[in-house]
PDBML (XML) file of the C-alpha atoms, coordinates in Angstrom:
<?xml version="1.0" encoding="UTF-8" ?>
<PDBx:datablock datablockName="MODEL"
   xmlns:PDBx="http://pdbml.pdb.org/schema/pdbx-v50.xsd"
   xmlns:xsi="http://www.w3.org/2001/XMLSchema-instance"
   xsi:schemaLocation="http://pdbml.pdb.org/schema/pdbx-v50.xsd pdbx-v50.xsd">
   <PDBx:atom_siteCategory>
      <PDBx:atom_site id="1">
         <PDBx:B_iso_or_equiv>0.00</PDBx:B_iso_or_equiv>
         <PDBx:Cartn_x>86.290</PDBx:Cartn_x>
         <PDBx:Cartn_y>58.660</PDBx:Cartn_y>
         <PDBx:Cartn_z>57.022</PDBx:Cartn_z>
         <PDBx:auth_asym_id>A</PDBx:auth_asym_id>
         <PDBx:auth_atom_id>CA</PDBx:auth_atom_id>
         <PDBx:auth_comp_id>LEU</PDBx:auth_comp_id>
         <PDBx:auth_seq_id>1</PDBx:auth_seq_id>
         <PDBx:group_PDB>ATOM</PDBx:group_PDB>
         <PDBx:label_alt_id xsi:nil="true" />
         <PDBx:label_asym_id>A</PDBx:label_asym_id>
         <PDBx:label_atom_id>CA</PDBx:label_atom_id>
         <PDBx:label_comp_id>LEU</PDBx:label_comp_id>
         <PDBx:label_entity_id>1</PDBx:label_entity_id>
         <PDBx:label_seq_id>1</PDBx:label_seq_id>
         <PDBx:occupancy>1.00</PDBx:occupancy>
         <PDBx:pdbx_PDB_model_num>1</PDBx:pdbx_PDB_model_num>
         <PDBx:type_symbol>C</PDBx:type_symbol>
      </PDBx:atom_site>
      <PDBx:atom_site id="2">
         <PDBx:B_iso_or_equiv>0.00</PDBx:B_iso_or_equiv>
         <PDBx:Cartn_x>86.854</PDBx:Cartn_x>
         <PDBx:Cartn_y>61.344</PDBx:Cartn_y>
         <PDBx:Cartn_z>59.658</PDBx:Cartn_z>
         <PDBx:auth_asym_id>A</PDBx:auth_asym_id>
         <PDBx:auth_atom_id>CA</PDBx:auth_atom_id>
         <PDBx:auth_comp_id>VAL</PDBx:auth_comp_id>
         <PDBx:auth_seq_id>2</PDBx:auth_seq_id>
         <PDBx:group_PDB>ATOM</PDBx:group_PDB>
         <PDBx:label_alt_id xsi:nil="true" />
         <PDBx:label_asym_id>A</PDBx:label_asym_id>
         <PDBx:label_atom_id>CA</PDBx:label_atom_id>
         <PDBx:label_comp_id>VAL</PDBx:label_comp_id>
         <PDBx:label_entity_id>1</PDBx:label_entity_id>
         <PDBx:label_seq_id>2</PDBx:label_seq_id>
         <PDBx:occupancy>1.00</PDBx:occupancy>
         <PDBx:pdbx_PDB_model_num>1</PDBx:pdbx_PDB_model_num>
         <PDBx:type_symbol>C</PDBx:type_symbol>
      </PDBx:atom_site>
      <PDBx:atom_site id="3">
         <PDBx:B_iso_or_equiv>0.00</PDBx:B_iso_or_equiv>
         <PDBx:Cartn_x>89.523</PDBx:Cartn_x>
         <PDBx:Cartn_y>59.536</PDBx:Cartn_y>
         <PDBx:Cartn_z>61.726</PDBx:Cartn_z>
         <PDBx:auth_asym_id>A</PDBx:auth_asym_id>
         <PDBx:auth_atom_id>CA</PDBx:auth_atom_id>
         <PDBx:auth_comp_id>PRO</PDBx:auth_comp_id>
         <PDBx:auth_seq_id>3</PDBx:auth_seq_id>
         <PDBx:group_PDB>ATOM</PDBx:group_PDB>
         <PDBx:label_alt_id xsi:nil="true" />
         <PDBx:label_asym_id>A</PDBx:label_asym_id>
         <PDBx:label_atom_id>CA</PDBx:label_atom_id>
         <PDBx:label_comp_id>PRO</PDBx:label_comp_id>
         <PDBx:label_entity_id>1</PDBx:label_entity_id>
         <PDBx:label_seq_id>3</PDBx:label_seq_id>
         <PDBx:occupancy>1.00</PDBx:occupancy>
         <PDBx:pdbx_PDB_model_num>1</PDBx:pdbx_PDB_model_num>
         <PDBx:type_symbol>C</PDBx:type_symbol>
      </PDBx:atom_site>
      <PDBx:atom_site id="4">
         <PDBx:B_iso_or_equiv>0.00</PDBx:B_iso_or_equiv>
         <PDBx:Cartn_x>91.424</PDBx:Cartn_x>
         <PDBx:Cartn_y>58.668</PDBx:Cartn_y>
         <PDBx:Cartn_z>58.564</PDBx:Cartn_z>
         <PDBx:auth_asym_id>A</PDBx:auth_asym_id>
         <PDBx:auth_atom_id>CA</PDBx:auth_atom_id>
         <PDBx:auth_comp_id>ALA</PDBx:auth_comp_id>
         <PDBx:auth_seq_id>4</PDBx:auth_seq_id>
         <PDBx:group_PDB>ATOM</PDBx:group_PDB>
         <PDBx:label_alt_id xsi:nil="true" />
         <PDBx:label_asym_id>A</PDBx:label_asym_id>
         <PDBx:label_atom_id>CA</PDBx:label_atom_id>
         <PDBx:label_comp_id>ALA</PDBx:label_comp_id>
         <PDBx:label_entity_id>1</PDBx:label_entity_id>
         <PDBx:label_seq_id>4</PDBx:label_seq_id>
         <PDBx:occupancy>1.00</PDBx:occupancy>
         <PDBx:pdbx_PDB_model_num>1</PDBx:pdbx_PDB_model_num>
         <PDBx:type_symbol>C</PDBx:type_symbol>
      </PDBx:atom_site>
      <PDBx:atom_site id="5">
         <PDBx:B_iso_or_equiv>0.00</PDBx:B_iso_or_equiv>
         <PDBx:Cartn_x>91.303</PDBx:Cartn_x>
         <PDBx:Cartn_y>62.320</PDBx:Cartn_y>
         <PDBx:Cartn_z>57.471</PDBx:Cartn_z>
         <PDBx:auth_asym_id>A</PDBx:auth_asym_id>
         <PDBx:auth_atom_id>CA</PDBx:auth_atom_id>
         <PDBx:auth_comp_id>PHE</PDBx:auth_comp_id>
         <PDBx:auth_seq_id>5</PDBx:auth_seq_id>
         <PDBx:group_PDB>ATOM</PDBx:group_PDB>
         <PDBx:label_alt_id xsi:nil="true" />
         <PDBx:label_asym_id>A</PDBx:label_asym_id>
         <PDBx:label_atom_id>CA</PDBx:label_atom_id>
         <PDBx:label_comp_id>PHE</PDBx:label_comp_id>
         <PDBx:label_entity_id>1</PDBx:label_entity_id>
         <PDBx:label_seq_id>5</PDBx:label_seq_id>
         <PDBx:occupancy>1.00</PDBx:occupancy>
         <PDBx:pdbx_PDB_model_num>1</PDBx:pdbx_PDB_model_num>
         <PDBx:type_symbol>C</PDBx:type_symbol>
      </PDBx:atom_site>
      <PDBx:atom_site id="6">
         <PDBx:B_iso_or_equiv>0.00</PDBx:B_iso_or_equiv>
         <PDBx:Cartn_x>92.843</PDBx:Cartn_x>
         <PDBx:Cartn_y>63.588</PDBx:Cartn_y>
         <PDBx:Cartn_z>60.717</PDBx:Cartn_z>
         <PDBx:auth_asym_id>A</PDBx:auth_asym_id>
         <PDBx:auth_atom_id>CA</PDBx:auth_atom_id>
         <PDBx:auth_comp_id>PHE</PDBx:auth_comp_id>
         <PDBx:auth_seq_id>6</PDBx:auth_seq_id>
         <PDBx:group_PDB>ATOM</PDBx:group_PDB>
         <PDBx:label_alt_id xsi:nil="true" />
         <PDBx:label_asym_id>A</PDBx:label_asym_id>
         <PDBx:label_atom_id>CA</PDBx:label_atom_id>
         <PDBx:label_comp_id>PHE</PDBx:label_comp_id>
         <PDBx:label_entity_id>1</PDBx:label_entity_id>
         <PDBx:label_seq_id>6</PDBx:label_seq_id>
         <PDBx:occupancy>1.00</PDBx:occupancy>
         <PDBx:pdbx_PDB_model_num>1</PDBx:pdbx_PDB_model_num>
         <PDBx:type_symbol>C</PDBx:type_symbol>
      </PDBx:atom_site>
      <PDBx:atom_site id="7">
         <PDBx:B_iso_or_equiv>0.00</PDBx:B_iso_or_equiv>
         <PDBx:Cartn_x>95.426</PDBx:Cartn_x>
         <PDBx:Cartn_y>60.775</PDBx:Cartn_y>
         <PDBx:Cartn_z>60.748</PDBx:Cartn_z>
         <PDBx:auth_asym_id>A</PDBx:auth_asym_id>
         <PDBx:auth_atom_id>CA</PDBx:auth_atom_id>
         <PDBx:auth_comp_id>ALA</PDBx:auth_comp_id>
         <PDBx:auth_seq_id>7</PDBx:auth_seq_id>
         <PDBx:group_PDB>ATOM</PDBx:group_PDB>
         <PDBx:label_alt_id xsi:nil="true" />
         <PDBx:label_asym_id>A</PDBx:label_asym_id>
         <PDBx:label_atom_id>CA</PDBx:label_atom_id>
         <PDBx:label_comp_id>ALA</PDBx:label_comp_id>
         <PDBx:label_entity_id>1</PDBx:label_entity_id>
         <PDBx:label_seq_id>7</PDBx:label_seq_id>
         <PDBx:occupancy>1.00</PDBx:occupancy>
         <PDBx:pdbx_PDB_model_num>1</PDBx:pdbx_PDB_model_num>
         <PDBx:type_symbol>C</PDBx:type_symbol>
      </PDBx:atom_site>
      <PDBx:atom_site id="8">
         <PDBx:B_iso_or_equiv>0.00</PDBx:B_iso_or_equiv>
         <PDBx:Cartn_x>96.605</PDBx:Cartn_x>
         <PDBx:Cartn_y>61.901</PDBx:Cartn_y>
         <PDBx:Cartn_z>57.321</PDBx:Cartn_z>
         <PDBx:auth_asym_id>A</PDBx:auth_asym_id>
         <PDBx:auth_atom_id>CA</PDBx:auth_atom_id>
         <PDBx:auth_comp_id>ALA</PDBx:auth_comp_id>
         <PDBx:auth_seq_id>8</PDBx:auth_seq_id>
         <PDBx:group_PDB>ATOM</PDBx:group_PDB>
         <PDBx:label_alt_id xsi:nil="true" />
         <PDBx:label_asym_id>A</PDBx:label_asym_id>
         <PDBx:label_atom_id>CA</PDBx:label_atom_id>
         <PDBx:label_comp_id>ALA</PDBx:label_comp_id>
         <PDBx:label_entity_id>1</PDBx:label_entity_id>
         <PDBx:label_seq_id>8</PDBx:label_seq_id>
         <PDBx:occupancy>1.00</PDBx:occupancy>
         <PDBx:pdbx_PDB_model_num>1</PDBx:pdbx_PDB_model_num>
         <PDBx:type_symbol>C</PDBx:type_symbol>
      </PDBx:atom_site>
      <PDBx:atom_site id="9">
         <PDBx:B_iso_or_equiv>0.00</PDBx:B_iso_or_equiv>
         <PDBx:Cartn_x>97.240</PDBx:Cartn_x>
         <PDBx:Cartn_y>65.475</PDBx:Cartn_y>
         <PDBx:Cartn_z>58.408</PDBx:Cartn_z>
         <PDBx:auth_asym_id>A</PDBx:auth_asym_id>
         <PDBx:auth_atom_id>CA</PDBx:auth_atom_id>
         <PDBx:auth_comp_id>LEU</PDBx:auth_comp_id>
         <PDBx:auth_seq_id>9</PDBx:auth_seq_id>
         <PDBx:group_PDB>ATOM</PDBx:group_PDB>
         <PDBx:label_alt_id xsi:nil="true" />
         <PDBx:label_asym_id>A</PDBx:label_asym_id>
         <PDBx:label_atom_id>CA</PDBx:label_atom_id>
         <PDBx:label_comp_id>LEU</PDBx:label_comp_id>
         <PDBx:label_entity_id>1</PDBx:label_entity_id>
         <PDBx:label_seq_id>9</PDBx:label_seq_id>
         <PDBx:occupancy>1.00</PDBx:occupancy>
         <PDBx:pdbx_PDB_model_num>1</PDBx:pdbx_PDB_model_num>
         <PDBx:type_symbol>C</PDBx:type_symbol>
      </PDBx:atom_site>
      <PDBx:atom_site id="10">
         <PDBx:B_iso_or_equiv>0.00</PDBx:B_iso_or_equiv>
         <PDBx:Cartn_x>100.879</PDBx:Cartn_x>
         <PDBx:Cartn_y>66.470</PDBx:Cartn_y>
         <PDBx:Cartn_z>58.749</PDBx:Cartn_z>
         <PDBx:auth_asym_id>A</PDBx:auth_asym_id>
         <PDBx:auth_atom_id>CA</PDBx:auth_atom_id>
         <PDBx:auth_comp_id>ALA</PDBx:auth_comp_id>
         <PDBx:auth_seq_id>10</PDBx:auth_seq_id>
         <PDBx:group_PDB>ATOM</PDBx:group_PDB>
         <PDBx:label_alt_id xsi:nil="true" />
         <PDBx:label_asym_id>A</PDBx:label_asym_id>
         <PDBx:label_atom_id>CA</PDBx:label_atom_id>
         <PDBx:label_comp_id>ALA</PDBx:label_comp_id>
         <PDBx:label_entity_id>1</PDBx:label_entity_id>
         <PDBx:label_seq_id>10</PDBx:label_seq_id>
         <PDBx:occupancy>1.00</PDBx:occupancy>
         <PDBx:pdbx_PDB_model_num>1</PDBx:pdbx_PDB_model_num>
         <PDBx:type_symbol>C</PDBx:type_symbol>
      </PDBx:atom_site>
      <PDBx:atom_site id="11">
         <PDBx:B_iso_or_equiv>0.00</PDBx:B_iso_or_equiv>
         <PDBx:Cartn_x>102.183</PDBx:Cartn_x>
         <PDBx:Cartn_y>66.851</PDBx:Cartn_y>
         <PDBx:Cartn_z>62.321</PDBx:Cartn_z>
         <PDBx:auth_asym_id>A</PDBx:auth_asym_id>
         <PDBx:auth_atom_id>CA</PDBx:auth_atom_id>
         <PDBx:auth_comp_id>PRO</PDBx:auth_comp_id>
         <PDBx:auth_seq_id>11</PDBx:auth_seq_id>
         <PDBx:group_PDB>ATOM</PDBx:group_PDB>
         <PDBx:label_alt_id xsi:nil="true" />
         <PDBx:label_asym_id>A</PDBx:label_asym_id>
         <PDBx:label_atom_id>CA</PDBx:label_atom_id>
         <PDBx:label_comp_id>PRO</PDBx:label_comp_id>
         <PDBx:label_entity_id>1</PDBx:label_entity_id>
         <PDBx:label_seq_id>11</PDBx:label_seq_id>
         <PDBx:occupancy>1.00</PDBx:occupancy>
         <PDBx:pdbx_PDB_model_num>1</PDBx:pdbx_PDB_model_num>
         <PDBx:type_symbol>C</PDBx:type_symbol>
      </PDBx:atom_site>
      <PDBx:atom_site id="12">
         <PDBx:B_iso_or_equiv>0.00</PDBx:B_iso_or_equiv>
         <PDBx:Cartn_x>101.321</PDBx:Cartn_x>
         <PDBx:Cartn_y>70.284</PDBx:Cartn_y>
         <PDBx:Cartn_z>63.700</PDBx:Cartn_z>
         <PDBx:auth_asym_id>A</PDBx:auth_asym_id>
         <PDBx:auth_atom_id>CA</PDBx:auth_atom_id>
         <PDBx:auth_comp_id>GLY</PDBx:auth_comp_id>
         <PDBx:auth_seq_id>12</PDBx:auth_seq_id>
         <PDBx:group_PDB>ATOM</PDBx:group_PDB>
         <PDBx:label_alt_id xsi:nil="true" />
         <PDBx:label_asym_id>A</PDBx:label_asym_id>
         <PDBx:label_atom_id>CA</PDBx:label_atom_id>
         <PDBx:label_comp_id>GLY</PDBx:label_comp_id>
         <PDBx:label_entity_id>1</PDBx:label_entity_id>
         <PDBx:label_seq_id>12</PDBx:label_seq_id>
         <PDBx:occupancy>1.00</PDBx:occupancy>
         <PDBx:pdbx_PDB_model_num>1</PDBx:pdbx_PDB_model_num>
         <PDBx:type_symbol>C</PDBx:type_symbol>
      </PDBx:atom_site>
      <PDBx:atom_site id="13">
         <PDBx:B_iso_or_equiv>0.00</PDBx:B_iso_or_equiv>
         <PDBx:Cartn_x>98.540</PDBx:Cartn_x>
         <PDBx:Cartn_y>70.898</PDBx:Cartn_y>
         <PDBx:Cartn_z>61.172</PDBx:Cartn_z>
         <PDBx:auth_asym_id>A</PDBx:auth_asym_id>
         <PDBx:auth_atom_id>CA</PDBx:auth_atom_id>
         <PDBx:auth_comp_id>THR</PDBx:auth_comp_id>
         <PDBx:auth_seq_id>13</PDBx:auth_seq_id>
         <PDBx:group_PDB>ATOM</PDBx:group_PDB>
         <PDBx:label_alt_id xsi:nil="true" />
         <PDBx:label_asym_id>A</PDBx:label_asym_id>
         <PDBx:label_atom_id>CA</PDBx:label_atom_id>
         <PDBx:label_comp_id>THR</PDBx:label_comp_id>
         <PDBx:label_entity_id>1</PDBx:label_entity_id>
         <PDBx:label_seq_id>13</PDBx:label_seq_id>
         <PDBx:occupancy>1.00</PDBx:occupancy>
         <PDBx:pdbx_PDB_model_num>1</PDBx:pdbx_PDB_model_num>
         <PDBx:type_symbol>C</PDBx:type_symbol>
      </PDBx:atom_site>
      <PDBx:atom_site id="14">
         <PDBx:B_iso_or_equiv>0.00</PDBx:B_iso_or_equiv>
         <PDBx:Cartn_x>95.771</PDBx:Cartn_x>
         <PDBx:Cartn_y>70.160</PDBx:Cartn_y>
         <PDBx:Cartn_z>63.640</PDBx:Cartn_z>
         <PDBx:auth_asym_id>A</PDBx:auth_asym_id>
         <PDBx:auth_atom_id>CA</PDBx:auth_atom_id>
         <PDBx:auth_comp_id>ILE</PDBx:auth_comp_id>
         <PDBx:auth_seq_id>14</PDBx:auth_seq_id>
         <PDBx:group_PDB>ATOM</PDBx:group_PDB>
         <PDBx:label_alt_id xsi:nil="true" />
         <PDBx:label_asym_id>A</PDBx:label_asym_id>
         <PDBx:label_atom_id>CA</PDBx:label_atom_id>
         <PDBx:label_comp_id>ILE</PDBx:label_comp_id>
         <PDBx:label_entity_id>1</PDBx:label_entity_id>
         <PDBx:label_seq_id>14</PDBx:label_seq_id>
         <PDBx:occupancy>1.00</PDBx:occupancy>
         <PDBx:pdbx_PDB_model_num>1</PDBx:pdbx_PDB_model_num>
         <PDBx:type_symbol>C</PDBx:type_symbol>
      </PDBx:atom_site>
      <PDBx:atom_site id="15">
         <PDBx:B_iso_or_equiv>0.00</PDBx:B_iso_or_equiv>
         <PDBx:Cartn_x>97.238</PDBx:Cartn_x>
         <PDBx:Cartn_y>72.632</PDBx:Cartn_y>
         <PDBx:Cartn_z>66.128</PDBx:Cartn_z>
         <PDBx:auth_asym_id>A</PDBx:auth_asym_id>
         <PDBx:auth_atom_id>CA</PDBx:auth_atom_id>
         <PDBx:auth_comp_id>GLY</PDBx:auth_comp_id>
         <PDBx:auth_seq_id>15</PDBx:auth_seq_id>
         <PDBx:group_PDB>ATOM</PDBx:group_PDB>
         <PDBx:label_alt_id xsi:nil="true" />
         <PDBx:label_asym_id>A</PDBx:label_asym_id>
         <PDBx:label_atom_id>CA</PDBx:label_atom_id>
         <PDBx:label_comp_id>GLY</PDBx:label_comp_id>
         <PDBx:label_entity_id>1</PDBx:label_entity_id>
         <PDBx:label_seq_id>15</PDBx:label_seq_id>
         <PDBx:occupancy>1.00</PDBx:occupancy>
         <PDBx:pdbx_PDB_model_num>1</PDBx:pdbx_PDB_model_num>
         <PDBx:type_symbol>C</PDBx:type_symbol>
      </PDBx:atom_site>
      <PDBx:atom_site id="16">
         <PDBx:B_iso_or_equiv>0.00</PDBx:B_iso_or_equiv>
         <PDBx:Cartn_x>97.513</PDBx:Cartn_x>
         <PDBx:Cartn_y>75.286</PDBx:Cartn_y>
         <PDBx:Cartn_z>63.444</PDBx:Cartn_z>
         <PDBx:auth_asym_id>A</PDBx:auth_asym_id>
         <PDBx:auth_atom_id>CA</PDBx:auth_atom_id>
         <PDBx:auth_comp_id>ALA</PDBx:auth_comp_id>
         <PDBx:auth_seq_id>16</PDBx:auth_seq_id>
         <PDBx:group_PDB>ATOM</PDBx:group_PDB>
         <PDBx:label_alt_id xsi:nil="true" />
         <PDBx:label_asym_id>A</PDBx:label_asym_id>
         <PDBx:label_atom_id>CA</PDBx:label_atom_id>
         <PDBx:label_comp_id>ALA</PDBx:label_comp_id>
         <PDBx:label_entity_id>1</PDBx:label_entity_id>
         <PDBx:label_seq_id>16</PDBx:label_seq_id>
         <PDBx:occupancy>1.00</PDBx:occupancy>
         <PDBx:pdbx_PDB_model_num>1</PDBx:pdbx_PDB_model_num>
         <PDBx:type_symbol>C</PDBx:type_symbol>
      </PDBx:atom_site>
      <PDBx:atom_site id="17">
         <PDBx:B_iso_or_equiv>0.00</PDBx:B_iso_or_equiv>
         <PDBx:Cartn_x>93.825</PDBx:Cartn_x>
         <PDBx:Cartn_y>74.830</PDBx:Cartn_y>
         <PDBx:Cartn_z>62.698</PDBx:Cartn_z>
         <PDBx:auth_asym_id>A</PDBx:auth_asym_id>
         <PDBx:auth_atom_id>CA</PDBx:auth_atom_id>
         <PDBx:auth_comp_id>LEU</PDBx:auth_comp_id>
         <PDBx:auth_seq_id>17</PDBx:auth_seq_id>
         <PDBx:group_PDB>ATOM</PDBx:group_PDB>
         <PDBx:label_alt_id xsi:nil="true" />
         <PDBx:label_asym_id>A</PDBx:label_asym_id>
         <PDBx:label_atom_id>CA</PDBx:label_atom_id>
         <PDBx:label_comp_id>LEU</PDBx:label_comp_id>
         <PDBx:label_entity_id>1</PDBx:label_entity_id>
         <PDBx:label_seq_id>17</PDBx:label_seq_id>
         <PDBx:occupancy>1.00</PDBx:occupancy>
         <PDBx:pdbx_PDB_model_num>1</PDBx:pdbx_PDB_model_num>
         <PDBx:type_symbol>C</PDBx:type_symbol>
      </PDBx:atom_site>
      <PDBx:atom_site id="18">
         <PDBx:B_iso_or_equiv>0.00</PDBx:B_iso_or_equiv>
         <PDBx:Cartn_x>92.989</PDBx:Cartn_x>
         <PDBx:Cartn_y>75.335</PDBx:Cartn_y>
         <PDBx:Cartn_z>66.357</PDBx:Cartn_z>
         <PDBx:auth_asym_id>A</PDBx:auth_asym_id>
         <PDBx:auth_atom_id>CA</PDBx:auth_atom_id>
         <PDBx:auth_comp_id>GLY</PDBx:auth_comp_id>
         <PDBx:auth_seq_id>18</PDBx:auth_seq_id>
         <PDBx:group_PDB>ATOM</PDBx:group_PDB>
         <PDBx:label_alt_id xsi:nil="true" />
         <PDBx:label_asym_id>A</PDBx:label_asym_id>
         <PDBx:label_atom_id>CA</PDBx:label_atom_id>
         <PDBx:label_comp_id>GLY</PDBx:label_comp_id>
         <PDBx:label_entity_id>1</PDBx:label_entity_id>
         <PDBx:label_seq_id>18</PDBx:label_seq_id>
         <PDBx:occupancy>1.00</PDBx:occupancy>
         <PDBx:pdbx_PDB_model_num>1</PDBx:pdbx_PDB_model_num>
         <PDBx:type_symbol>C</PDBx:type_symbol>
      </PDBx:atom_site>
      <PDBx:atom_site id="19">
         <PDBx:B_iso_or_equiv>0.00</PDBx:B_iso_or_equiv>
         <PDBx:Cartn_x>91.652</PDBx:Cartn_x>
         <PDBx:Cartn_y>71.794</PDBx:Cartn_y>
         <PDBx:Cartn_z>66.756</PDBx:Cartn_z>
         <PDBx:auth_asym_id>A</PDBx:auth_asym_id>
         <PDBx:auth_atom_id>CA</PDBx:auth_atom_id>
         <PDBx:auth_comp_id>LEU</PDBx:auth_comp_id>
         <PDBx:auth_seq_id>19</PDBx:auth_seq_id>
         <PDBx:group_PDB>ATOM</PDBx:group_PDB>
         <PDBx:label_alt_id xsi:nil="true" />
         <PDBx:label_asym_id>A</PDBx:label_asym_id>
         <PDBx:label_atom_id>CA</PDBx:label_atom_id>
         <PDBx:label_comp_id>LEU</PDBx:label_comp_id>
         <PDBx:label_entity_id>1</PDBx:label_entity_id>
         <PDBx:label_seq_id>19</PDBx:label_seq_id>
         <PDBx:occupancy>1.00</PDBx:occupancy>
         <PDBx:pdbx_PDB_model_num>1</PDBx:pdbx_PDB_model_num>
         <PDBx:type_symbol>C</PDBx:type_symbol>
      </PDBx:atom_site>
      <PDBx:atom_site id="20">
         <PDBx:B_iso_or_equiv>0.00</PDBx:B_iso_or_equiv>
         <PDBx:Cartn_x>93.801</PDBx:Cartn_x>
         <PDBx:Cartn_y>70.877</PDBx:Cartn_y>
         <PDBx:Cartn_z>69.753</PDBx:Cartn_z>
         <PDBx:auth_asym_id>A</PDBx:auth_asym_id>
         <PDBx:auth_atom_id>CA</PDBx:auth_atom_id>
         <PDBx:auth_comp_id>THR</PDBx:auth_comp_id>
         <PDBx:auth_seq_id>20</PDBx:auth_seq_id>
         <PDBx:group_PDB>ATOM</PDBx:group_PDB>
         <PDBx:label_alt_id xsi:nil="true" />
         <PDBx:label_asym_id>A</PDBx:label_asym_id>
         <PDBx:label_atom_id>CA</PDBx:label_atom_id>
         <PDBx:label_comp_id>THR</PDBx:label_comp_id>
         <PDBx:label_entity_id>1</PDBx:label_entity_id>
         <PDBx:label_seq_id>20</PDBx:label_seq_id>
         <PDBx:occupancy>1.00</PDBx:occupancy>
         <PDBx:pdbx_PDB_model_num>1</PDBx:pdbx_PDB_model_num>
         <PDBx:type_symbol>C</PDBx:type_symbol>
      </PDBx:atom_site>
      <PDBx:atom_site id="21">
         <PDBx:B_iso_or_equiv>0.00</PDBx:B_iso_or_equiv>
         <PDBx:Cartn_x>95.686</PDBx:Cartn_x>
         <PDBx:Cartn_y>72.846</PDBx:Cartn_y>
         <PDBx:Cartn_z>72.433</PDBx:Cartn_z>
         <PDBx:auth_asym_id>A</PDBx:auth_asym_id>
         <PDBx:auth_atom_id>CA</PDBx:auth_atom_id>
         <PDBx:auth_comp_id>PRO</PDBx:auth_comp_id>
         <PDBx:auth_seq_id>21</PDBx:auth_seq_id>
         <PDBx:group_PDB>ATOM</PDBx:group_PDB>
         <PDBx:label_alt_id xsi:nil="true" />
         <PDBx:label_asym_id>A</PDBx:label_asym_id>
         <PDBx:label_atom_id>CA</PDBx:label_atom_id>
         <PDBx:label_comp_id>PRO</PDBx:label_comp_id>
         <PDBx:label_entity_id>1</PDBx:label_entity_id>
         <PDBx:label_seq_id>21</PDBx:label_seq_id>
         <PDBx:occupancy>1.00</PDBx:occupancy>
         <PDBx:pdbx_PDB_model_num>1</PDBx:pdbx_PDB_model_num>
         <PDBx:type_symbol>C</PDBx:type_symbol>
      </PDBx:atom_site>
      <PDBx:atom_site id="22">
         <PDBx:B_iso_or_equiv>0.00</PDBx:B_iso_or_equiv>
         <PDBx:Cartn_x>98.698</PDBx:Cartn_x>
         <PDBx:Cartn_y>70.495</PDBx:Cartn_y>
         <PDBx:Cartn_z>72.242</PDBx:Cartn_z>
         <PDBx:auth_asym_id>A</PDBx:auth_asym_id>
         <PDBx:auth_atom_id>CA</PDBx:auth_atom_id>
         <PDBx:auth_comp_id>ALA</PDBx:auth_comp_id>
         <PDBx:auth_seq_id>22</PDBx:auth_seq_id>
         <PDBx:group_PDB>ATOM</PDBx:group_PDB>
         <PDBx:label_alt_id xsi:nil="true" />
         <PDBx:label_asym_id>A</PDBx:label_asym_id>
         <PDBx:label_atom_id>CA</PDBx:label_atom_id>
         <PDBx:label_comp_id>ALA</PDBx:label_comp_id>
         <PDBx:label_entity_id>1</PDBx:label_entity_id>
         <PDBx:label_seq_id>22</PDBx:label_seq_id>
         <PDBx:occupancy>1.00</PDBx:occupancy>
         <PDBx:pdbx_PDB_model_num>1</PDBx:pdbx_PDB_model_num>
         <PDBx:type_symbol>C</PDBx:type_symbol>
      </PDBx:atom_site>
      <PDBx:atom_site id="23">
         <PDBx:B_iso_or_equiv>0.00</PDBx:B_iso_or_equiv>
         <PDBx:Cartn_x>100.831</PDBx:Cartn_x>
         <PDBx:Cartn_y>73.091</PDBx:Cartn_y>
         <PDBx:Cartn_z>70.438</PDBx:Cartn_z>
         <PDBx:auth_asym_id>A</PDBx:auth_asym_id>
         <PDBx:auth_atom_id>CA</PDBx:auth_atom_id>
         <PDBx:auth_comp_id>ALA</PDBx:auth_comp_id>
         <PDBx:auth_seq_id>23</PDBx:auth_seq_id>
         <PDBx:group_PDB>ATOM</PDBx:group_PDB>
         <PDBx:label_alt_id xsi:nil="true" />
         <PDBx:label_asym_id>A</PDBx:label_asym_id>
         <PDBx:label_atom_id>CA</PDBx:label_atom_id>
         <PDBx:label_comp_id>ALA</PDBx:label_comp_id>
         <PDBx:label_entity_id>1</PDBx:label_entity_id>
         <PDBx:label_seq_id>23</PDBx:label_seq_id>
         <PDBx:occupancy>1.00</PDBx:occupancy>
         <PDBx:pdbx_PDB_model_num>1</PDBx:pdbx_PDB_model_num>
         <PDBx:type_symbol>C</PDBx:type_symbol>
      </PDBx:atom_site>
      <PDBx:atom_site id="24">
         <PDBx:B_iso_or_equiv>0.00</PDBx:B_iso_or_equiv>
         <PDBx:Cartn_x>100.560</PDBx:Cartn_x>
         <PDBx:Cartn_y>75.430</PDBx:Cartn_y>
         <PDBx:Cartn_z>73.420</PDBx:Cartn_z>
         <PDBx:auth_asym_id>A</PDBx:auth_asym_id>
         <PDBx:auth_atom_id>CA</PDBx:auth_atom_id>
         <PDBx:auth_comp_id>ARG</PDBx:auth_comp_id>
         <PDBx:auth_seq_id>24</PDBx:auth_seq_id>
         <PDBx:group_PDB>ATOM</PDBx:group_PDB>
         <PDBx:label_alt_id xsi:nil="true" />
         <PDBx:label_asym_id>A</PDBx:label_asym_id>
         <PDBx:label_atom_id>CA</PDBx:label_atom_id>
         <PDBx:label_comp_id>ARG</PDBx:label_comp_id>
         <PDBx:label_entity_id>1</PDBx:label_entity_id>
         <PDBx:label_seq_id>24</PDBx:label_seq_id>
         <PDBx:occupancy>1.00</PDBx:occupancy>
         <PDBx:pdbx_PDB_model_num>1</PDBx:pdbx_PDB_model_num>
         <PDBx:type_symbol>C</PDBx:type_symbol>
      </PDBx:atom_site>
   </PDBx:atom_siteCategory>
</PDBx:datablock>
């Protein structure tokens, strides 16, 4: 279920959570 959970996150949410450096 993990991939589906991250796929459902709104754009930019992952970066805000500190899960990826893409927002930098």
